[in-house]
């Protein structure tokens, strides 16, 4: 693997490095060769001219005639805003390109219905780093667009940060993932502070409406994901699909507002397995989708929870499990503290109206499980109203409270 230098603004230097001062030549960086095992971080004062692998570009000025800043393959640019104002310019990252965002605010130019540009378009494998202490906003250009459009299937979009913040917005496309009707590869988010929102039917993180995303991996990040319509907060969009979702060592708040799960599948969408470990997760669906699991008429694979604090709620569907008329495979809770609830028709853990959940297994290593069913559900754990479940196995009932 080619060695790459990860540039991040040192916390010591935040007083020196503000978005408005990016035009200065001297910038204090913390330099880490992240692909060398066991390497340590060392700080030193650099000039842009003395660090040849990083070129600093102004999103307000350094664009082509079409208002596009192109990042060539195997090139690493640091991109900032000299004016510190929103711009309708956009970024295209060629296969293998890398960018460090150091304070940009992009709203892509709308073209026509469902054929709009994304704020950042990745044409293949791409890495996006978030400079420490900076705030970055990336918004697509209208219907069908993604905020950050991941590359095609077989590629990987990696977003990394520590204290850097990213806000991404999509409309029918994902905020981070695929455009409406398009497919994308893997999405990996490691560290950073991420806020992802969609106004339409795409997932906040995952696939756009009628699109497909490969695996979604979240490692050690602080994430807020919010889908306003029929997509999932994290997972698949309306009639879209995604493969597996892994959340590890993260702090996640995810919302599916209408028919899509907070974490899982969107309306009539598909999702692979969901693994949550070592994380604090708050998930909520306001109507018909599970908090964690399948959306309305959607499907979801095996849900596994380890060593996590999980609070999950749904209205009309299961807190953890199946959405209305949806299906999911096994739910396996190995350890951690779980608070699951449903309003009206859903089981807290299990199925929703006309939905189906396979086996539910709660291991004795859990700290506690609190399951509060909806008023019309016959079970707190198991089948919801007119729903089904294969069987429930609770190894230590003393650790489980059913309401």
Protein backbone atom coordinates (compact mmCIF):
# COMPACT_ATOMS: atom_id res chain seq x y z
CA UNK A 1 0.00 0.00 0.00
CA UNK A 2 1.28 3.42 -0.85
CA UNK A 3 2.19 5.47 2.23
CA UNK A 4 0.03 8.54 2.77
CA UNK A 5 0.57 11.45 5.10
CA UNK A 6 -2.47 12.34 7.20
CA UNK A 7 -2.46 16.03 7.95
CA UNK A 8 -4.50 17.29 10.88
CA UNK A 9 -4.43 20.63 12.59
CA UNK A 10 -2.89 20.36 16.05
CA UNK A 11 -5.05 21.30 19.01
CA UNK A 12 -2.10 23.41 20.17
CA UNK A 13 -2.40 25.45 17.03
CA UNK A 14 -6.15 26.06 16.88
CA UNK A 15 -5.58 29.67 17.85
CA UNK A 16 -3.24 29.96 14.85
CA UNK A 17 -5.35 28.00 12.38
CA UNK A 18 -8.77 29.48 11.77
CA UNK A 19 -10.65 29.28 8.50
CA UNK A 20 -10.06 32.98 7.91
CA UNK A 21 -6.28 32.56 8.21
CA UNK A 22 -5.85 29.75 5.71
CA UNK A 23 -4.19 32.07 3.25
CA UNK A 24 -1.17 32.36 5.56
CA UNK A 25 1.83 30.33 4.45
CA UNK A 26 2.86 29.06 7.91
CA UNK A 27 0.45 26.52 9.39
CA UNK A 28 1.14 24.33 12.41
CA UNK A 29 0.32 20.72 11.61
CA UNK A 30 0.46 17.46 13.47
CA UNK A 31 1.92 15.05 10.94
CA UNK A 32 1.22 11.32 11.10
CA UNK A 33 2.22 8.68 8.59
CA UNK A 34 -0.93 6.66 9.26
CA UNK A 35 -0.02 3.66 7.15
CA UNK A 36 3.15 2.83 9.08
CA UNK A 37 2.31 0.46 11.93
CA UNK A 38 3.38 1.81 15.29
CA UNK A 39 4.27 5.26 13.99
CA UNK A 40 3.99 8.12 16.47
CA UNK A 41 2.67 11.61 15.90
CA UNK A 42 5.23 14.41 15.80
CA UNK A 43 4.50 18.12 15.60
CA UNK A 44 6.50 20.67 13.67
CA UNK A 45 6.05 24.01 12.01
CA UNK A 46 5.68 23.63 8.27
CA UNK A 47 5.24 25.87 5.31
CA UNK A 48 3.08 24.68 2.47
CA UNK A 49 6.08 24.87 0.18
CA UNK A 50 8.10 22.61 2.50
CA UNK A 51 5.55 19.80 2.47
CA UNK A 52 5.40 18.88 -1.18
CA UNK A 53 2.75 16.16 -0.95
CA UNK A 54 0.04 18.59 0.16
CA UNK A 55 -1.23 21.36 -2.08
CA UNK A 56 -3.55 23.89 -0.43
CA UNK A 57 -6.36 25.16 -2.64
CA UNK A 58 -9.08 27.75 -2.16
CA UNK A 59 -12.55 26.44 -3.08
CA UNK A 60 -13.54 30.01 -3.94
CA UNK A 61 -10.78 30.48 -6.52
CA UNK A 62 -8.96 27.32 -7.54
CA UNK A 63 -11.67 25.82 -9.73
CA UNK A 64 -12.03 25.23 -13.45
CA UNK A 65 -14.36 27.11 -15.79
CA UNK A 66 -17.27 24.93 -14.68
CA UNK A 67 -16.78 25.79 -11.02
CA UNK A 68 -15.28 22.38 -10.21
CA UNK A 69 -12.19 21.69 -8.14
CA UNK A 70 -10.82 18.41 -9.49
CA UNK A 71 -8.61 16.26 -7.26
CA UNK A 72 -6.53 14.02 -9.58
CA UNK A 73 -5.83 10.37 -8.86
CA UNK A 74 -3.18 9.72 -6.18
CA UNK A 75 -3.11 13.39 -5.24
CA UNK A 76 -3.79 14.91 -1.81
CA UNK A 77 -5.18 18.47 -1.64
CA UNK A 78 -6.03 20.50 1.42
CA UNK A 79 -9.12 22.55 0.54
CA UNK A 80 -10.24 25.64 2.41
CA UNK A 81 -12.37 28.73 1.86
CA UNK A 82 -10.52 32.01 1.66
CA UNK A 83 -13.75 33.98 1.95
CA UNK A 84 -15.25 31.78 4.68
CA UNK A 85 -18.61 32.00 2.84
CA UNK A 86 -20.91 29.45 1.17
CA UNK A 87 -20.04 28.63 -2.43
CA UNK A 88 -21.79 26.90 -5.32
CA UNK A 89 -18.51 25.39 -6.46
CA UNK A 90 -18.08 21.65 -5.99
CA UNK A 91 -15.36 19.01 -5.68
CA UNK A 92 -14.71 15.95 -7.85
CA UNK A 93 -12.25 13.36 -6.49
CA UNK A 94 -10.80 11.06 -9.10
CA UNK A 95 -10.10 7.40 -8.26
CA UNK A 96 -7.42 7.30 -5.57
CA UNK A 97 -7.58 11.01 -4.73
CA UNK A 98 -7.51 12.43 -1.22
CA UNK A 99 -8.66 15.71 0.33
CA UNK A 100 -8.33 17.34 3.71
CA UNK A 101 -11.30 19.64 4.28
CA UNK A 102 -10.23 22.64 6.32
CA UNK A 103 -13.35 24.83 6.46
CA UNK A 104 -15.52 24.65 3.34
CA UNK A 105 -19.23 25.31 2.79
CA UNK A 106 -20.49 23.90 -0.52
CA UNK A 107 -23.94 23.94 -2.08
CA UNK A 108 -23.83 22.42 -5.56
CA UNK A 109 -25.61 24.15 -8.43
CA UNK A 110 -28.98 22.57 -9.33
CA UNK A 111 -29.34 21.54 -12.97
CA UNK A 112 -32.62 19.71 -13.54
CA UNK A 113 -34.88 17.28 -11.71
CA UNK A 114 -33.04 14.14 -10.51
CA UNK A 115 -29.94 14.95 -12.56
CA UNK A 116 -28.26 17.26 -10.10
CA UNK A 117 -24.66 17.40 -8.96
CA UNK A 118 -23.52 16.25 -5.56
CA UNK A 119 -21.47 18.62 -3.42
CA UNK A 120 -18.52 16.20 -3.54
CA UNK A 121 -18.41 13.44 -6.16
CA UNK A 122 -16.04 10.50 -5.72
CA UNK A 123 -15.25 8.71 -8.96
CA UNK A 124 -13.61 5.71 -7.27
CA UNK A 125 -11.66 5.06 -4.08
CA UNK A 126 -11.43 8.29 -2.10
CA UNK A 127 -10.28 9.52 1.29
CA UNK A 128 -11.67 12.63 2.95
CA UNK A 129 -9.93 13.93 6.07
CA UNK A 130 -11.42 16.57 8.38
CA UNK A 131 -8.91 19.07 9.71
CA UNK A 132 -9.09 19.41 13.48
CA UNK A 133 -11.14 22.32 14.76
CA UNK A 134 -12.75 23.10 11.40
CA UNK A 135 -16.40 23.00 10.34
CA UNK A 136 -17.34 21.78 6.87
CA UNK A 137 -20.76 21.76 5.18
CA UNK A 138 -21.45 19.84 1.97
CA UNK A 139 -24.85 19.98 0.26
CA UNK A 140 -26.04 18.52 -3.00
CA UNK A 141 -27.64 20.61 -5.71
CA UNK A 142 -31.29 19.55 -5.41
CA UNK A 143 -33.50 16.55 -6.15
CA UNK A 144 -31.65 13.27 -6.55
CA UNK A 145 -28.30 14.59 -5.38
CA UNK A 146 -26.11 13.39 -2.56
CA UNK A 147 -24.14 15.61 -0.24
CA UNK A 148 -21.04 13.43 -0.61
CA UNK A 149 -21.44 10.89 -3.39
CA UNK A 150 -19.42 7.74 -2.76
CA UNK A 151 -17.69 5.99 -5.63
CA UNK A 152 -19.12 3.08 -7.62
CA UNK A 153 -19.46 -0.51 -6.45
CA UNK A 154 -16.09 -2.12 -5.59
CA UNK A 155 -14.73 1.24 -4.40
CA UNK A 156 -14.43 2.62 -0.85
CA UNK A 157 -15.11 6.10 0.49
CA UNK A 158 -13.23 6.70 3.75
CA UNK A 159 -13.94 9.75 5.93
CA UNK A 160 -11.55 10.33 8.85
CA UNK A 161 -11.32 12.95 11.55
CA UNK A 162 -10.73 13.64 15.22
CA UNK A 163 -12.24 16.99 16.24
CA UNK A 164 -13.10 18.06 12.68
CA UNK A 165 -16.81 18.48 11.95
CA UNK A 166 -18.73 17.58 8.80
CA UNK A 167 -22.35 18.39 7.98
CA UNK A 168 -23.68 16.69 4.84
CA UNK A 169 -27.09 17.13 3.20
CA UNK A 170 -28.81 15.14 0.45
CA UNK A 171 -32.19 15.26 -1.30
CA UNK A 172 -33.48 11.83 -2.40
CA UNK A 173 -29.82 10.93 -2.62
CA UNK A 174 -27.99 10.09 0.59
CA UNK A 175 -26.26 12.78 2.59
CA UNK A 176 -23.25 10.43 2.47
CA UNK A 177 -23.56 7.56 -0.01
CA UNK A 178 -25.24 7.09 -3.39
CA UNK A 179 -27.35 9.42 -5.49
CA UNK A 180 -30.99 8.65 -6.23
CA UNK A 181 -31.11 5.60 -8.51
CA UNK A 182 -27.36 4.97 -8.37
CA UNK A 183 -25.17 2.42 -6.60
CA UNK A 184 -22.08 3.00 -4.51
CA UNK A 185 -19.34 1.00 -2.83
CA UNK A 186 -18.31 0.75 0.81
CA UNK A 187 -18.61 3.69 3.20
CA UNK A 188 -16.15 3.90 6.11
CA UNK A 189 -16.39 6.70 8.69
CA UNK A 190 -13.65 6.74 11.31
CA UNK A 191 -13.66 9.42 13.99
CA UNK A 192 -14.82 12.98 13.53
CA UNK A 193 -18.10 14.71 14.27
CA UNK A 194 -20.63 13.93 11.54
CA UNK A 195 -24.12 15.34 10.98
CA UNK A 196 -25.92 13.76 8.03
CA UNK A 197 -29.43 14.76 6.93
CA UNK A 198 -31.69 14.07 3.95
CA UNK A 199 -34.78 15.98 2.94
CA UNK A 200 -36.08 13.24 0.64
CA UNK A 201 -36.15 9.45 0.46
CA UNK A 202 -32.46 8.66 0.58
CA UNK A 203 -30.77 7.37 3.72
CA UNK A 204 -28.79 9.93 5.65
CA UNK A 205 -25.80 7.56 5.45
CA UNK A 206 -26.09 4.74 2.92
CA UNK A 207 -28.04 4.40 -0.31
CA UNK A 208 -30.15 6.96 -2.08
CA UNK A 209 -33.74 6.38 -3.15
CA UNK A 210 -33.83 3.31 -5.46
CA UNK A 211 -30.08 2.99 -5.02
CA UNK A 212 -27.67 0.53 -3.49
CA UNK A 213 -24.78 0.87 -1.04
CA UNK A 214 -22.28 -1.77 -0.05
CA UNK A 215 -21.08 -2.12 3.55
CA UNK A 216 -21.36 0.79 5.99
CA UNK A 217 -18.69 0.87 8.72
CA UNK A 218 -18.63 3.44 11.53
CA UNK A 219 -15.63 3.38 13.87
CA UNK A 220 -15.24 5.68 16.85
CA UNK A 221 -17.27 8.53 15.39
CA UNK A 222 -19.84 10.87 16.88
CA UNK A 223 -22.70 10.78 14.39
CA UNK A 224 -26.14 12.33 14.09
CA UNK A 225 -28.12 10.87 11.17
CA UNK A 226 -31.62 12.05 10.23
CA UNK A 227 -33.80 10.99 7.29
CA UNK A 228 -36.92 13.13 6.92
CA UNK A 229 -38.91 10.80 4.66
CA UNK A 230 -38.91 7.12 3.63
CA UNK A 231 -35.25 6.25 3.96
CA UNK A 232 -33.30 5.00 6.96
CA UNK A 233 -31.13 7.22 9.11
CA UNK A 234 -28.25 4.78 8.54
CA UNK A 235 -28.82 2.05 5.95
CA UNK A 236 -30.90 1.96 2.78
CA UNK A 237 -33.11 4.52 1.11
CA UNK A 238 -36.67 4.13 -0.16
CA UNK A 239 -36.78 0.89 -2.20
CA UNK A 240 -33.01 0.83 -1.94
CA UNK A 241 -30.58 -1.59 -0.38
CA UNK A 242 -27.38 -1.78 1.60
CA UNK A 243 -25.19 -4.61 2.72
CA UNK A 244 -23.91 -4.94 6.29
CA UNK A 245 -23.80 -2.16 8.89
CA UNK A 246 -21.06 -2.19 11.54
CA UNK A 247 -21.01 0.36 14.37
CA UNK A 248 -18.04 0.05 16.73
CA UNK A 249 -16.84 2.34 19.53
CA UNK A 250 -19.12 5.13 18.31
CA UNK A 251 -21.69 7.53 19.73
CA UNK A 252 -24.67 7.45 17.39
CA UNK A 253 -28.01 9.24 17.29
CA UNK A 254 -30.09 8.12 14.32
CA UNK A 255 -33.63 9.04 13.31
CA UNK A 256 -35.94 7.60 10.66
CA UNK A 257 -38.88 9.95 10.61
CA UNK A 258 -41.34 8.17 8.31
CA UNK A 259 -41.47 4.45 7.37
CA UNK A 260 -37.71 3.92 7.33
CA UNK A 261 -35.79 2.41 10.24
CA UNK A 262 -33.46 4.65 12.19
CA UNK A 263 -30.74 2.05 11.57
CA UNK A 264 -31.51 -0.59 8.93
CA UNK A 265 -33.70 -0.55 5.84
CA UNK A 266 -35.89 2.13 4.32
CA UNK A 267 -39.47 1.73 3.08
CA UNK A 268 -39.60 -1.48 0.99
CA UNK A 269 -35.82 -1.57 1.22
CA UNK A 270 -33.26 -4.19 2.16
CA UNK A 271 -30.43 -4.24 4.66
CA UNK A 272 -27.84 -6.88 5.53
CA UNK A 273 -26.79 -7.68 9.07
CA UNK A 274 -26.37 -5.01 11.74
CA UNK A 275 -23.55 -5.33 14.29
CA UNK A 276 -23.29 -2.87 17.17
CA UNK A 277 -20.43 -3.20 19.62
CA UNK A 278 -18.77 -1.00 22.21
CA UNK A 279 -21.03 1.92 21.31
CA UNK A 280 -23.68 4.26 22.67
CA UNK A 281 -26.62 4.25 20.27
CA UNK A 282 -29.91 6.15 20.36
CA UNK A 283 -32.30 5.17 17.54
CA UNK A 284 -35.83 6.39 16.90
CA UNK A 285 -38.36 5.93 14.13
CA UNK A 286 -41.42 8.14 14.29
CA UNK A 287 -43.71 6.01 12.13
CA UNK A 288 -43.87 2.38 10.94
CA UNK A 289 -40.16 1.59 10.77
CA UNK A 290 -38.17 -0.12 13.51
CA UNK A 291 -35.74 1.84 15.63
CA UNK A 292 -33.11 -0.74 14.68
CA UNK A 293 -34.10 -3.26 12.00
CA UNK A 294 -36.38 -3.13 8.99
CA UNK A 295 -38.46 -0.32 7.59
CA UNK A 296 -42.10 -0.55 6.52
CA UNK A 297 -42.30 -3.53 4.10
CA UNK A 298 -38.51 -3.78 4.42
CA UNK A 299 -36.13 -6.58 5.32
CA UNK A 300 -33.11 -6.76 7.62
CA UNK A 301 -30.51 -9.40 8.42
CA UNK A 302 -29.29 -10.57 11.82
CA UNK A 303 -29.01 -7.86 14.49
CA UNK A 304 -26.20 -8.41 17.01
CA UNK A 305 -25.50 -6.16 20.01
CA UNK A 306 -22.37 -6.47 22.17
CA UNK A 307 -21.13 -4.37 25.09
CA UNK A 308 -23.21 -1.33 24.13
CA UNK A 309 -25.69 1.12 25.60
CA UNK A 310 -28.63 1.04 23.19
CA UNK A 311 -31.87 3.01 23.45
CA UNK A 312 -34.25 2.27 20.59
CA UNK A 313 -37.87 3.35 20.07
CA UNK A 314 -40.50 3.14 17.36
CA UNK A 315 -44.05 4.28 16.79
CA UNK A 316 -46.22 1.43 15.39
CA UNK A 317 -43.25 -0.90 14.85
CA UNK A 318 -40.68 -2.72 16.97
CA UNK A 319 -38.08 -0.80 18.91
CA UNK A 320 -35.57 -3.44 17.78
CA UNK A 321 -36.69 -5.82 15.02
CA UNK A 322 -39.28 -5.57 12.28
CA UNK A 323 -41.06 -2.60 10.81
CA UNK A 324 -44.71 -2.75 9.78
CA UNK A 325 -45.16 -5.63 7.31
CA UNK A 326 -41.39 -6.02 7.47
CA UNK A 327 -39.11 -8.93 8.26
CA UNK A 328 -35.86 -9.40 10.05
CA UNK A 329 -33.70 -12.35 10.93
CA UNK A 330 -32.39 -13.18 14.41
CA UNK A 331 -31.88 -10.60 17.14
CA UNK A 332 -28.92 -11.57 19.34
CA UNK A 333 -28.14 -9.44 22.41
CA UNK A 334 -24.89 -10.72 23.88
CA UNK A 335 -24.06 -8.00 26.41
CA UNK A 336 -24.69 -4.39 27.32
CA UNK A 337 -27.62 -2.30 28.52
CA UNK A 338 -30.68 -2.19 26.29
CA UNK A 339 -33.76 0.04 26.58
CA UNK A 340 -36.26 -0.77 23.82
CA UNK A 341 -39.81 0.49 23.46
CA UNK A 342 -42.72 0.84 21.05
CA UNK A 343 -45.88 2.89 20.89
CA UNK A 344 -49.19 1.30 19.87
CA UNK A 345 -48.76 -1.97 17.93
CA UNK A 346 -45.16 -3.08 18.10
CA UNK A 347 -43.22 -5.29 20.44
CA UNK A 348 -40.27 -3.59 22.08
CA UNK A 349 -37.99 -6.32 20.72
CA UNK A 350 -39.45 -8.45 17.95
CA UNK A 351 -42.05 -7.76 15.30
CA UNK A 352 -44.50 -5.08 14.25
CA UNK A 353 -48.05 -5.28 12.83
CA UNK A 354 -48.05 -7.95 10.11
CA UNK A 355 -44.28 -8.17 10.50
CA UNK A 356 -42.08 -11.12 11.31
CA UNK A 357 -38.96 -11.56 13.41
CA UNK A 358 -36.97 -14.75 13.60
CA UNK A 359 -35.32 -15.94 16.86
CA UNK A 360 -34.68 -13.49 19.72
CA UNK A 361 -31.77 -14.51 21.95
CA UNK A 362 -30.80 -12.53 25.06
CA UNK A 363 -27.61 -13.86 26.66
CA UNK A 364 -26.93 -14.00 30.39
CA UNK A 365 -23.96 -11.61 30.03
CA UNK A 366 -26.28 -8.62 29.50
CA UNK A 367 -26.27 -5.95 32.20
CA UNK A 368 -29.98 -5.27 31.79
CA UNK A 369 -32.74 -5.25 29.20
CA UNK A 370 -35.86 -3.13 29.58
CA UNK A 371 -38.58 -3.82 27.01
CA UNK A 372 -41.75 -1.71 26.91
CA UNK A 373 -44.38 -2.83 24.40
CA UNK A 374 -46.98 -0.75 22.62
CA UNK A 375 -50.49 -0.73 24.10
CA UNK A 376 -51.90 -2.97 21.35
CA UNK A 377 -49.02 -5.43 21.25
CA UNK A 378 -49.47 -8.83 22.94
CA UNK A 379 -45.76 -9.10 23.81
CA UNK A 380 -42.92 -6.96 25.05
CA UNK A 381 -40.43 -9.39 23.51
CA UNK A 382 -41.61 -11.48 20.56
CA UNK A 383 -44.54 -10.96 18.22
CA UNK A 384 -46.24 -7.59 17.90
CA UNK A 385 -49.89 -7.02 16.97
CA UNK A 386 -50.79 -9.59 14.28
CA UNK A 387 -47.07 -10.20 13.83
CA UNK A 388 -44.92 -13.28 14.23
CA UNK A 389 -41.72 -14.50 15.84
CA UNK A 390 -40.10 -17.93 15.72
CA UNK A 391 -39.01 -18.16 19.37
CA UNK A 392 -37.58 -16.23 22.32
CA UNK A 393 -34.67 -17.44 24.45
CA UNK A 394 -33.84 -15.35 27.55
CA UNK A 395 -30.95 -16.99 29.40
CA UNK A 396 -31.29 -14.97 32.62
CA UNK A 397 -34.83 -13.60 33.11
CA UNK A 398 -33.74 -11.71 36.24
CA UNK A 399 -31.89 -9.23 34.02
CA UNK A 400 -34.87 -8.57 31.77
CA UNK A 401 -37.78 -6.28 32.61
CA UNK A 402 -40.86 -6.46 30.41
CA UNK A 403 -43.53 -3.80 30.56
